[in-house]
Amino acid sequence: MDIKGHINKIVEEVTKNPNIKEQFEKEPVKVVEKIIGIDLPDDIVMKIVDGARAKLTIDSVSKAADTLKGIFK
């Protein structure tokens, strides 16, 4: 099972669709299972949810840092 691939797929869907992002914030397990299209064991789903949340946070921080760099140039 390619957990990293699933995480990337979730992050891609969440970042390009605000409705999915809002739903992911409220019901991440349902969103993951809907996007992936398979019913996975809870422990696997939670790894994907945690990984997607972490990647989304890192991406947000990176964008904010890039914006700040642009301000101080």
N, C-alpha and C. Protein backbone atom coordinates (compact mmCIF):
# COMPACT_ATOMS: atom_id res chain seq x y z
N MET A 1 0.84 -1.18 0.00
CA MET A 1 0.00 0.00 0.00
C MET A 1 0.89 1.24 0.00
N ASP A 2 0.55 2.15 -0.86
CA ASP A 2 1.34 3.37 -1.03
C ASP A 2 0.73 4.51 -0.21
N ILE A 3 1.04 4.55 1.07
CA ILE A 3 0.47 5.58 1.96
C ILE A 3 0.89 6.97 1.50
N LYS A 4 2.16 7.12 1.13
CA LYS A 4 2.65 8.43 0.68
C LYS A 4 1.87 8.90 -0.56
N GLY A 5 1.61 7.99 -1.47
CA GLY A 5 0.83 8.32 -2.67
C GLY A 5 -0.58 8.75 -2.33
N HIS A 6 -1.19 8.05 -1.37
CA HIS A 6 -2.53 8.43 -0.92
C HIS A 6 -2.52 9.80 -0.26
N ILE A 7 -1.50 10.07 0.53
CA ILE A 7 -1.38 11.38 1.18
C ILE A 7 -1.29 12.48 0.12
N ASN A 8 -0.44 12.27 -0.87
CA ASN A 8 -0.29 13.27 -1.93
C ASN A 8 -1.59 13.49 -2.68
N LYS A 9 -2.34 12.41 -2.92
CA LYS A 9 -3.62 12.53 -3.62
C LYS A 9 -4.61 13.34 -2.79
N ILE A 10 -4.66 13.09 -1.48
CA ILE A 10 -5.56 13.82 -0.59
C ILE A 10 -5.18 15.30 -0.57
N VAL A 11 -3.90 15.58 -0.41
CA VAL A 11 -3.43 16.97 -0.37
C VAL A 11 -3.77 17.70 -1.67
N GLU A 12 -3.57 17.03 -2.79
CA GLU A 12 -3.90 17.63 -4.09
C GLU A 12 -5.38 17.98 -4.19
N GLU A 13 -6.24 17.06 -3.79
CA GLU A 13 -7.68 17.30 -3.85
C GLU A 13 -8.10 18.42 -2.89
N VAL A 14 -7.55 18.39 -1.69
CA VAL A 14 -7.92 19.39 -0.68
C VAL A 14 -7.47 20.79 -1.09
N THR A 15 -6.29 20.90 -1.68
CA THR A 15 -5.79 22.23 -2.04
C THR A 15 -6.48 22.82 -3.26
N LYS A 16 -7.00 21.99 -4.14
CA LYS A 16 -7.64 22.54 -5.33
C LYS A 16 -9.16 22.69 -5.21
N ASN A 17 -9.75 22.17 -4.14
CA ASN A 17 -11.20 22.26 -3.98
C ASN A 17 -11.56 22.73 -2.56
N PRO A 18 -12.02 23.98 -2.42
CA PRO A 18 -12.33 24.52 -1.09
C PRO A 18 -13.42 23.74 -0.36
N ASN A 19 -14.37 23.17 -1.11
CA ASN A 19 -15.44 22.38 -0.47
C ASN A 19 -14.87 21.13 0.18
N ILE A 20 -13.95 20.48 -0.52
CA ILE A 20 -13.33 19.28 0.03
C ILE A 20 -12.45 19.66 1.23
N LYS A 21 -11.78 20.81 1.14
CA LYS A 21 -10.95 21.26 2.26
C LYS A 21 -11.80 21.45 3.51
N GLU A 22 -12.94 22.09 3.35
CA GLU A 22 -13.83 22.32 4.49
C GLU A 22 -14.33 21.00 5.06
N GLN A 23 -14.70 20.08 4.18
CA GLN A 23 -15.18 18.78 4.63
C GLN A 23 -14.05 17.98 5.30
N PHE A 24 -12.82 18.09 4.77
CA PHE A 24 -11.68 17.40 5.35
C PHE A 24 -11.42 17.88 6.77
N GLU A 25 -11.61 19.17 7.01
CA GLU A 25 -11.41 19.71 8.35
C GLU A 25 -12.44 19.17 9.34
N LYS A 26 -13.66 18.90 8.85
CA LYS A 26 -14.74 18.42 9.72
C LYS A 26 -14.75 16.90 9.84
N GLU A 27 -14.60 16.20 8.72
CA GLU A 27 -14.69 14.74 8.70
C GLU A 27 -13.58 14.14 7.84
N PRO A 28 -12.35 14.17 8.33
CA PRO A 28 -11.22 13.74 7.50
C PRO A 28 -11.29 12.28 7.06
N VAL A 29 -11.78 11.40 7.92
CA VAL A 29 -11.83 9.98 7.58
C VAL A 29 -12.76 9.75 6.39
N LYS A 30 -13.92 10.38 6.40
CA LYS A 30 -14.87 10.23 5.29
C LYS A 30 -14.28 10.76 3.99
N VAL A 31 -13.59 11.88 4.06
CA VAL A 31 -13.00 12.47 2.86
C VAL A 31 -11.91 11.55 2.30
N VAL A 32 -11.07 11.02 3.16
CA VAL A 32 -10.00 10.13 2.71
C VAL A 32 -10.60 8.91 2.01
N GLU A 33 -11.58 8.27 2.65
CA GLU A 33 -12.17 7.08 2.06
C GLU A 33 -12.90 7.41 0.75
N LYS A 34 -13.51 8.58 0.68
CA LYS A 34 -14.20 8.99 -0.54
C LYS A 34 -13.22 9.21 -1.69
N ILE A 35 -12.14 9.93 -1.42
CA ILE A 35 -11.16 10.24 -2.46
C ILE A 35 -10.41 8.99 -2.91
N ILE A 36 -10.00 8.17 -1.97
CA ILE A 36 -9.24 6.97 -2.31
C ILE A 36 -10.15 5.92 -2.95
N GLY A 37 -11.38 5.87 -2.49
CA GLY A 37 -12.33 4.94 -3.08
C GLY A 37 -12.29 3.54 -2.51
N ILE A 38 -11.59 3.37 -1.41
CA ILE A 38 -11.56 2.06 -0.75
C ILE A 38 -11.75 2.25 0.74
N ASP A 39 -12.35 1.24 1.35
CA ASP A 39 -12.54 1.25 2.80
C ASP A 39 -11.29 0.62 3.42
N LEU A 40 -10.52 1.44 4.11
CA LEU A 40 -9.28 0.98 4.70
C LEU A 40 -9.44 0.79 6.21
N PRO A 41 -8.57 0.01 6.83
CA PRO A 41 -8.59 -0.10 8.29
C PRO A 41 -8.35 1.27 8.93
N ASP A 42 -8.96 1.48 10.08
CA ASP A 42 -8.89 2.78 10.75
C ASP A 42 -7.46 3.25 10.99
N ASP A 43 -6.57 2.34 11.37
CA ASP A 43 -5.20 2.76 11.66
C ASP A 43 -4.49 3.28 10.40
N ILE A 44 -4.78 2.71 9.25
CA ILE A 44 -4.20 3.17 7.99
C ILE A 44 -4.79 4.52 7.60
N VAL A 45 -6.11 4.64 7.75
CA VAL A 45 -6.77 5.91 7.42
C VAL A 45 -6.23 7.04 8.28
N MET A 46 -6.02 6.77 9.56
CA MET A 46 -5.52 7.82 10.45
C MET A 46 -4.08 8.21 10.09
N LYS A 47 -3.27 7.27 9.61
CA LYS A 47 -1.92 7.62 9.15
C LYS A 47 -2.00 8.55 7.95
N ILE A 48 -2.93 8.26 7.05
CA ILE A 48 -3.11 9.10 5.87
C ILE A 48 -3.62 10.48 6.27
N VAL A 49 -4.59 10.54 7.18
CA VAL A 49 -5.13 11.81 7.66
C VAL A 49 -4.02 12.63 8.31
N ASP A 50 -3.25 12.01 9.20
CA ASP A 50 -2.17 12.72 9.89
C ASP A 50 -1.11 13.21 8.90
N GLY A 51 -0.77 12.37 7.95
CA GLY A 51 0.22 12.76 6.94
C GLY A 51 -0.27 13.91 6.07
N ALA A 52 -1.54 13.86 5.68
CA ALA A 52 -2.11 14.93 4.86
C ALA A 52 -2.16 16.24 5.64
N ARG A 53 -2.57 16.17 6.88
CA ARG A 53 -2.60 17.38 7.72
C ARG A 53 -1.21 17.98 7.86
N ALA A 54 -0.23 17.13 8.10
CA ALA A 54 1.15 17.62 8.26
C ALA A 54 1.64 18.28 6.97
N LYS A 55 1.38 17.63 5.83
CA LYS A 55 1.83 18.18 4.56
C LYS A 55 1.12 19.50 4.25
N LEU A 56 -0.17 19.58 4.54
CA LEU A 56 -0.90 20.83 4.32
C LEU A 56 -0.34 21.94 5.20
N THR A 57 0.02 21.62 6.43
CA THR A 57 0.58 22.62 7.34
C THR A 57 1.95 23.08 6.85
N ILE A 58 2.78 22.14 6.43
CA ILE A 58 4.11 22.50 5.93
C ILE A 58 3.99 23.37 4.68
N ASP A 59 3.07 23.01 3.78
CA ASP A 59 2.88 23.79 2.56
C ASP A 59 2.42 25.21 2.89
N SER A 60 1.53 25.34 3.87
CA SER A 60 1.04 26.66 4.27
C SER A 60 2.15 27.52 4.86
N VAL A 61 2.96 26.92 5.71
CA VAL A 61 4.07 27.64 6.32
C VAL A 61 5.08 28.05 5.26
N SER A 62 5.34 27.18 4.31
CA SER A 62 6.28 27.48 3.24
C SER A 62 5.79 28.66 2.39
N LYS A 63 4.50 28.68 2.07
CA LYS A 63 3.94 29.78 1.28
C LYS A 63 4.02 31.09 2.06
N ALA A 64 3.75 31.03 3.36
CA ALA A 64 3.83 32.24 4.18
C ALA A 64 5.27 32.75 4.23
N ALA A 65 6.23 31.85 4.36
CA ALA A 65 7.64 32.25 4.39
C ALA A 65 8.05 32.88 3.07
N ASP A 66 7.58 32.31 1.95
CA ASP A 66 7.89 32.87 0.64
C ASP A 66 7.31 34.28 0.50
N THR A 67 6.10 34.47 1.01
CA THR A 67 5.47 35.78 0.97
C THR A 67 6.27 36.80 1.77
N LEU A 68 6.71 36.39 2.95
CA LEU A 68 7.52 37.29 3.79
C LEU A 68 8.84 37.64 3.13
N LYS A 69 9.45 36.66 2.48
CA LYS A 69 10.70 36.93 1.76
C LYS A 69 10.49 38.00 0.70
N GLY A 70 9.36 37.91 0.01
CA GLY A 70 9.06 38.87 -1.03
C GLY A 70 8.86 40.28 -0.49
N ILE A 71 8.32 40.39 0.70
CA ILE A 71 8.08 41.70 1.32
C ILE A 71 9.40 42.39 1.66
N PHE A 72 10.38 41.62 2.11
CA PHE A 72 11.63 42.21 2.58
C PHE A 72 12.70 42.34 1.51
N LYS A 73 12.36 42.09 0.27
CA LYS A 73 13.36 42.25 -0.81
C LYS A 73 13.44 43.68 -1.25
